[in-house]
């Protein structure tokens, strides 16, 4: 019996593999509409995830999540 690949696990895998995760990436590639909730769940489990603010070429600000891994 295989485990279900949860949205929380998808979020964590993305952060570990690709780094920053934006809302747009979460919707487009992971089919996650409420990435904030998944990040909050991971934070409660002890993962150090920060929110950073970026600026697009047009000047619009958007947030991204980044996993800070202990060394």
PDB file of N, CA and C in Angstrom:
ATOM      1  N   UNK A   1       0.848  -1.179   0.000  1.00  0.00           N
ATOM      2  CA  UNK A   1       0.000   0.000   0.000  1.00  0.00           C
ATOM      3  C   UNK A   1       0.897   1.246   0.000  1.00  0.00           C
ATOM      4  N   UNK A   2       0.740   2.101  -0.991  1.00  0.00           N
ATOM      5  CA  UNK A   2       1.590   3.289  -1.095  1.00  0.00           C
ATOM      6  C   UNK A   2       0.961   4.477  -0.366  1.00  0.00           C
ATOM      7  N   UNK A   3       1.841   5.337   0.117  1.00  0.00           N
ATOM      8  CA  UNK A   3       1.385   6.544   0.792  1.00  0.00           C
ATOM      9  C   UNK A   3       0.906   7.556  -0.235  1.00  0.00           C
ATOM     10  N   UNK A   4      -0.070   8.340   0.151  1.00  0.00           N
ATOM     11  CA  UNK A   4      -0.568   9.399  -0.706  1.00  0.00           C
ATOM     12  C   UNK A   4       0.430  10.552  -0.716  1.00  0.00           C
ATOM     13  N   UNK A   5       0.673  11.124  -1.876  1.00  0.00           N
ATOM     14  CA  UNK A   5       1.587  12.250  -2.018  1.00  0.00           C
ATOM     15  C   UNK A   5       0.809  13.524  -1.710  1.00  0.00           C
ATOM     16  N   UNK A   6       0.945  14.009  -0.488  1.00  0.00           N
ATOM     17  CA  UNK A   6       0.132  15.128  -0.008  1.00  0.00           C
ATOM     18  C   UNK A   6       0.643  16.469  -0.520  1.00  0.00           C
ATOM     19  N   UNK A   7      -0.214  17.476  -0.431  1.00  0.00           N
ATOM     20  CA  UNK A   7       0.178  18.829  -0.812  1.00  0.00           C
ATOM     21  C   UNK A   7       1.321  19.319   0.069  1.00  0.00           C
ATOM     22  N   UNK A   8       1.278  18.957   1.321  1.00  0.00           N
ATOM     23  CA  UNK A   8       2.347  19.354   2.242  1.00  0.00           C
ATOM     24  C   UNK A   8       3.673  18.750   1.790  1.00  0.00           C
ATOM     25  N   UNK A   9       3.672  17.481   1.403  1.00  0.00           N
ATOM     26  CA  UNK A   9       4.894  16.825   0.950  1.00  0.00           C
ATOM     27  C   UNK A   9       5.368  17.416  -0.377  1.00  0.00           C
ATOM     28  N   UNK A  10       4.431  17.734  -1.268  1.00  0.00           N
ATOM     29  CA  UNK A  10       4.789  18.373  -2.535  1.00  0.00           C
ATOM     30  C   UNK A  10       5.481  19.706  -2.277  1.00  0.00           C
ATOM     31  N   UNK A  11       4.944  20.468  -1.326  1.00  0.00           N
ATOM     32  CA  UNK A  11       5.512  21.771  -0.981  1.00  0.00           C
ATOM     33  C   UNK A  11       6.928  21.612  -0.453  1.00  0.00           C
ATOM     34  N   UNK A  12       7.125  20.702   0.465  1.00  0.00           N
ATOM     35  CA  UNK A  12       8.444  20.467   1.047  1.00  0.00           C
ATOM     36  C   UNK A  12       9.433  19.996  -0.014  1.00  0.00           C
ATOM     37  N   UNK A  13       9.021  19.088  -0.861  1.00  0.00           N
ATOM     38  CA  UNK A  13       9.899  18.590  -1.918  1.00  0.00           C
ATOM     39  C   UNK A  13      10.322  19.710  -2.864  1.00  0.00           C
ATOM     40  N   UNK A  14       9.383  20.589  -3.219  1.00  0.00           N
ATOM     41  CA  UNK A  14       9.708  21.722  -4.095  1.00  0.00           C
ATOM     42  C   UNK A  14      10.754  22.618  -3.426  1.00  0.00           C
ATOM     43  N   UNK A  15      10.516  22.958  -2.169  1.00  0.00           N
ATOM     44  CA  UNK A  15      11.435  23.840  -1.461  1.00  0.00           C
ATOM     45  C   UNK A  15      12.837  23.240  -1.382  1.00  0.00           C
ATOM     46  N   UNK A  16      12.918  21.950  -1.170  1.00  0.00           N
ATOM     47  CA  UNK A  16      14.221  21.287  -1.083  1.00  0.00           C
ATOM     48  C   UNK A  16      14.897  21.173  -2.448  1.00  0.00           C
ATOM     49  N   UNK A  17      14.112  21.020  -3.499  1.00  0.00           N
ATOM     50  CA  UNK A  17      14.657  20.796  -4.839  1.00  0.00           C
ATOM     51  C   UNK A  17      14.941  22.088  -5.596  1.00  0.00           C
ATOM     52  N   UNK A  18      13.976  23.003  -5.574  1.00  0.00           N
ATOM     53  CA  UNK A  18      14.064  24.197  -6.415  1.00  0.00           C
ATOM     54  C   UNK A  18      14.340  25.489  -5.650  1.00  0.00           C
ATOM     55  N   UNK A  19      14.183  25.471  -4.351  1.00  0.00           N
ATOM     56  CA  UNK A  19      14.373  26.702  -3.577  1.00  0.00           C
ATOM     57  C   UNK A  19      13.068  27.435  -3.378  1.00  0.00           C
ATOM     58  N   UNK A  20      12.990  28.644  -3.882  1.00  0.00           N
ATOM     59  CA  UNK A  20      11.822  29.492  -3.647  1.00  0.00           C
ATOM     60  C   UNK A  20      10.551  28.919  -4.267  1.00  0.00           C
ATOM     61  N   UNK A  21       9.448  29.121  -3.558  1.00  0.00           N
ATOM     62  CA  UNK A  21       8.136  28.701  -4.043  1.00  0.00           C
ATOM     63  C   UNK A  21       7.189  29.887  -3.971  1.00  0.00           C
ATOM     64  N   UNK A  22       6.649  30.283  -5.116  1.00  0.00           N
ATOM     65  CA  UNK A  22       5.669  31.369  -5.175  1.00  0.00           C
ATOM     66  C   UNK A  22       4.264  30.778  -5.279  1.00  0.00           C
ATOM     67  N   UNK A  23       3.283  31.628  -5.067  1.00  0.00           N
ATOM     68  CA  UNK A  23       1.892  31.208  -5.232  1.00  0.00           C
ATOM     69  C   UNK A  23       1.665  30.703  -6.655  1.00  0.00           C
ATOM     70  N   UNK A  24       2.208  31.432  -7.621  1.00  0.00           N
ATOM     71  CA  UNK A  24       2.041  31.060  -9.025  1.00  0.00           C
ATOM     72  C   UNK A  24       2.620  29.672  -9.312  1.00  0.00           C
ATOM     73  N   UNK A  25       3.812  29.393  -8.782  1.00  0.00           N
ATOM     74  CA  UNK A  25       4.418  28.070  -8.958  1.00  0.00           C
ATOM     75  C   UNK A  25       3.573  26.986  -8.298  1.00  0.00           C
ATOM     76  N   UNK A  26       3.075  27.287  -7.097  1.00  0.00           N
ATOM     77  CA  UNK A  26       2.279  26.300  -6.360  1.00  0.00           C
ATOM     78  C   UNK A  26       1.026  25.908  -7.138  1.00  0.00           C
ATOM     79  N   UNK A  27       0.382  26.892  -7.741  1.00  0.00           N
ATOM     80  CA  UNK A  27      -0.838  26.618  -8.513  1.00  0.00           C
ATOM     81  C   UNK A  27      -0.500  25.894  -9.815  1.00  0.00           C
ATOM     82  N   UNK A  28       0.471  26.416 -10.531  1.00  0.00           N
ATOM     83  CA  UNK A  28       0.796  25.900 -11.873  1.00  0.00           C
ATOM     84  C   UNK A  28       1.419  24.500 -11.855  1.00  0.00           C
ATOM     85  N   UNK A  29       2.366  24.285 -10.957  1.00  0.00           N
ATOM     86  CA  UNK A  29       3.116  23.035 -10.985  1.00  0.00           C
ATOM     87  C   UNK A  29       2.695  22.001  -9.939  1.00  0.00           C
ATOM     88  N   UNK A  30       2.133  22.482  -8.827  1.00  0.00           N
ATOM     89  CA  UNK A  30       1.798  21.564  -7.736  1.00  0.00           C
ATOM     90  C   UNK A  30       0.298  21.396  -7.517  1.00  0.00           C
ATOM     91  N   UNK A  31      -0.499  22.202  -8.215  1.00  0.00           N
ATOM     92  CA  UNK A  31      -1.961  22.157  -8.076  1.00  0.00           C
ATOM     93  C   UNK A  31      -2.389  22.442  -6.635  1.00  0.00           C
ATOM     94  N   UNK A  32      -1.729  23.428  -6.020  1.00  0.00           N
ATOM     95  CA  UNK A  32      -2.026  23.836  -4.647  1.00  0.00           C
ATOM     96  C   UNK A  32      -2.543  25.270  -4.675  1.00  0.00           C
ATOM     97  N   UNK A  33      -3.760  25.467  -4.208  1.00  0.00           N
ATOM     98  CA  UNK A  33      -4.356  26.802  -4.220  1.00  0.00           C
ATOM     99  C   UNK A  33      -4.068  27.601  -2.958  1.00  0.00           C
ATOM    100  N   UNK A  34      -3.841  26.933  -1.837  1.00  0.00           N
ATOM    101  CA  UNK A  34      -3.573  27.647  -0.590  1.00  0.00           C
ATOM    102  C   UNK A  34      -2.209  27.232  -0.045  1.00  0.00           C
ATOM    103  N   UNK A  35      -1.173  27.705  -0.693  1.00  0.00           N
ATOM    104  CA  UNK A  35       0.189  27.343  -0.305  1.00  0.00           C
ATOM    105  C   UNK A  35       0.526  27.883   1.081  1.00  0.00           C
ATOM    106  N   UNK A  36      -0.096  28.980   1.482  1.00  0.00           N
ATOM    107  CA  UNK A  36       0.157  29.534   2.818  1.00  0.00           C
ATOM    108  C   UNK A  36      -0.160  28.516   3.907  1.00  0.00           C
ATOM    109  N   UNK A  37      -1.241  27.804   3.725  1.00  0.00           N
ATOM    110  CA  UNK A  37      -1.648  26.801   4.714  1.00  0.00           C
ATOM    111  C   UNK A  37      -0.641  25.651   4.781  1.00  0.00           C
ATOM    112  N   UNK A  38      -0.162  25.211   3.626  1.00  0.00           N
ATOM    113  CA  UNK A  38       0.828  24.131   3.600  1.00  0.00           C
ATOM    114  C   UNK A  38       2.125  24.572   4.268  1.00  0.00           C
ATOM    115  N   UNK A  39       2.546  25.809   4.013  1.00  0.00           N
ATOM    116  CA  UNK A  39       3.764  26.337   4.620  1.00  0.00           C
ATOM    117  C   UNK A  39       3.587  26.436   6.130  1.00  0.00           C
ATOM    118  N   UNK A  40       2.437  26.876   6.567  1.00  0.00           N
ATOM    119  CA  UNK A  40       2.169  26.987   8.006  1.00  0.00           C
ATOM    120  C   UNK A  40       2.236  25.615   8.673  1.00  0.00           C
ATOM    121  N   UNK A  41       1.702  24.587   8.020  1.00  0.00           N
ATOM    122  CA  UNK A  41       1.778  23.226   8.557  1.00  0.00           C
ATOM    123  C   UNK A  41       3.232  22.786   8.704  1.00  0.00           C
ATOM    124  N   UNK A  42       4.036  23.076   7.694  1.00  0.00           N
ATOM    125  CA  UNK A  42       5.452  22.703   7.740  1.00  0.00           C
ATOM    126  C   UNK A  42       6.187  23.468   8.834  1.00  0.00           C
ATOM    127  N   UNK A  43       5.865  24.726   8.996  1.00  0.00           N
ATOM    128  CA  UNK A  43       6.483  25.521  10.067  1.00  0.00           C
ATOM    129  C   UNK A  43       6.155  24.933  11.432  1.00  0.00           C
ATOM    130  N   UNK A  44       4.908  24.511  11.614  1.00  0.00           N
ATOM    131  CA  UNK A  44       4.500  23.919  12.891  1.00  0.00           C
ATOM    132  C   UNK A  44       5.238  22.612  13.159  1.00  0.00           C
ATOM    133  N   UNK A  45       5.688  21.950  12.107  1.00  0.00           N
ATOM    134  CA  UNK A  45       6.457  20.713  12.256  1.00  0.00           C
ATOM    135  C   UNK A  45       7.941  20.996  12.483  1.00  0.00           C
ATOM    136  N   UNK A  46       8.304  22.276  12.498  1.00  0.00           N
ATOM    137  CA  UNK A  46       9.680  22.636  12.815  1.00  0.00           C
ATOM    138  C   UNK A  46      10.544  23.063  11.642  1.00  0.00           C
ATOM    139  N   UNK A  47      10.011  23.080  10.443  1.00  0.00           N
ATOM    140  CA  UNK A  47      10.791  23.531   9.295  1.00  0.00           C
ATOM    141  C   UNK A  47      10.929  25.050   9.340  1.00  0.00           C
ATOM    142  N   UNK A  48      12.145  25.524   9.093  1.00  0.00           N
ATOM    143  CA  UNK A  48      12.421  26.959   9.096  1.00  0.00           C
ATOM    144  C   UNK A  48      12.188  27.492   7.684  1.00  0.00           C
ATOM    145  N   UNK A  49      10.996  28.035   7.459  1.00  0.00           N
ATOM    146  CA  UNK A  49      10.621  28.564   6.150  1.00  0.00           C
ATOM    147  C   UNK A  49      10.386  30.055   6.304  1.00  0.00           C
ATOM    148  N   UNK A  50      11.122  30.832   5.508  1.00  0.00           N
ATOM    149  CA  UNK A  50      10.963  32.280   5.568  1.00  0.00           C
ATOM    150  C   UNK A  50      10.164  32.758   4.358  1.00  0.00           C
ATOM    151  N   UNK A  51       9.591  33.930   4.502  1.00  0.00           N
ATOM    152  CA  UNK A  51       8.881  34.570   3.406  1.00  0.00           C
ATOM    153  C   UNK A  51       9.741  35.731   2.932  1.00  0.00           C
ATOM    154  N   UNK A  52      10.005  35.756   1.646  1.00  0.00           N
ATOM    155  CA  UNK A  52      10.775  36.856   1.080  1.00  0.00           C
ATOM    156  C   UNK A  52       9.910  37.614   0.079  1.00  0.00           C
ATOM    157  N   UNK A  53      10.212  38.881  -0.099  1.00  0.00           N
ATOM    158  CA  UNK A  53       9.473  39.702  -1.048  1.00  0.00           C
ATOM    159  C   UNK A  53      10.357  39.986  -2.248  1.00  0.00           C
ATOM    160  N   UNK A  54       9.820  39.714  -3.422  1.00  0.00           N
ATOM    161  CA  UNK A  54      10.516  39.962  -4.682  1.00  0.00           C
ATOM    162  C   UNK A  54       9.763  41.027  -5.467  1.00  0.00           C
ATOM    163  N   UNK A  55      10.400  41.535  -6.504  1.00  0.00           N
ATOM    164  CA  UNK A  55       9.760  42.515  -7.371  1.00  0.00           C
ATOM    165  C   UNK A  55       9.877  42.023  -8.811  1.00  0.00           C
ATOM    166  N   UNK A  56       8.757  42.045  -9.522  1.00  0.00           N
ATOM    167  CA  UNK A  56       8.758  41.612 -10.918  1.00  0.00           C
ATOM    168  C   UNK A  56       9.344  42.707 -11.802  1.00  0.00           C
ATOM    169  N   UNK A  57       9.532  42.390 -13.067  1.00  0.00           N
ATOM    170  CA  UNK A  57      10.068  43.359 -14.027  1.00  0.00           C
ATOM    171  C   UNK A  57       9.167  44.593 -14.137  1.00  0.00           C
ATOM    172  N   UNK A  58       7.884  44.395 -13.925  1.00  0.00           N
ATOM    173  CA  UNK A  58       6.938  45.519 -14.016  1.00  0.00           C
ATOM    174  C   UNK A  58       6.867  46.313 -12.715  1.00  0.00           C
ATOM    175  N   UNK A  59       7.562  45.836 -11.686  1.00  0.00           N
ATOM    176  CA  UNK A  59       7.577  46.544 -10.408  1.00  0.00           C
ATOM    177  C   UNK A  59       6.601  46.006  -9.378  1.00  0.00           C
ATOM    178  N   UNK A  60       5.794  45.014  -9.749  1.00  0.00           N
ATOM    179  CA  UNK A  60       4.835  44.429  -8.811  1.00  0.00           C
ATOM    180  C   UNK A  60       5.582  43.568  -7.789  1.00  0.00           C
ATOM    181  N   UNK A  61       5.170  43.676  -6.532  1.00  0.00           N
ATOM    182  CA  UNK A  61       5.784  42.866  -5.474  1.00  0.00           C
ATOM    183  C   UNK A  61       5.038  41.547  -5.336  1.00  0.00           C
ATOM    184  N   UNK A  62       5.792  40.499  -5.029  1.00  0.00           N
ATOM    185  CA  UNK A  62       5.186  39.197  -4.765  1.00  0.00           C
ATOM    186  C   UNK A  62       6.047  38.449  -3.755  1.00  0.00           C
ATOM    187  N   UNK A  63       5.415  37.567  -3.036  1.00  0.00           N
ATOM    188  CA  UNK A  63       6.112  36.815  -1.994  1.00  0.00           C
ATOM    189  C   UNK A  63       6.529  35.441  -2.482  1.00  0.00           C
ATOM    190  N   UNK A  64       7.539  34.931  -1.822  1.00  0.00           N
ATOM    191  CA  UNK A  64       8.007  33.576  -2.098  1.00  0.00           C
ATOM    192  C   UNK A  64       8.450  32.962  -0.773  1.00  0.00           C
ATOM    193  N   UNK A  65       8.348  31.660  -0.697  1.00  0.00           N
ATOM    194  CA  UNK A  65       8.774  30.924   0.496  1.00  0.00           C
ATOM    195  C   UNK A  65      10.106  30.268   0.219  1.00  0.00           C
ATOM    196  N   UNK A  66      10.958  30.226   1.253  1.00  0.00           N
ATOM    197  CA  UNK A  66      12.283  29.626   1.121  1.00  0.00           C
ATOM    198  C   UNK A  66      12.577  28.809   2.378  1.00  0.00           C
ATOM    199  N   UNK A  67      13.008  27.585   2.174  1.00  0.00           N
ATOM    200  CA  UNK A  67      13.389  26.702   3.270  1.00  0.00           C
ATOM    201  C   UNK A  67      14.833  26.989   3.655  1.00  0.00           C
ATOM    202  N   UNK A  68      15.043  27.255   4.944  1.00  0.00           N
ATOM    203  CA  UNK A  68      16.384  27.468   5.474  1.00  0.00           C
ATOM    204  C   UNK A  68      16.764  26.179   6.185  1.00  0.00           C
ATOM    205  N   UNK A  69      17.699  25.464   5.607  1.00  0.00           N
ATOM    206  CA  UNK A  69      18.095  24.183   6.184  1.00  0.00           C
ATOM    207  C   UNK A  69      19.299  24.362   7.094  1.00  0.00           C
ATOM    208  N   UNK A  70      19.258  23.673   8.209  1.00  0.00           N
ATOM    209  CA  UNK A  70      20.361  23.707   9.171  1.00  0.00           C
ATOM    210  C   UNK A  70      21.555  22.978   8.565  1.00  0.00           C
ATOM    211  N   UNK A  71      22.735  23.448   8.871  1.00  0.00           N
ATOM    212  CA  UNK A  71      23.945  22.790   8.361  1.00  0.00           C
ATOM    213  C   UNK A  71      24.580  21.948   9.419  1.00  0.00           C
TER     214      UNK A  71
END
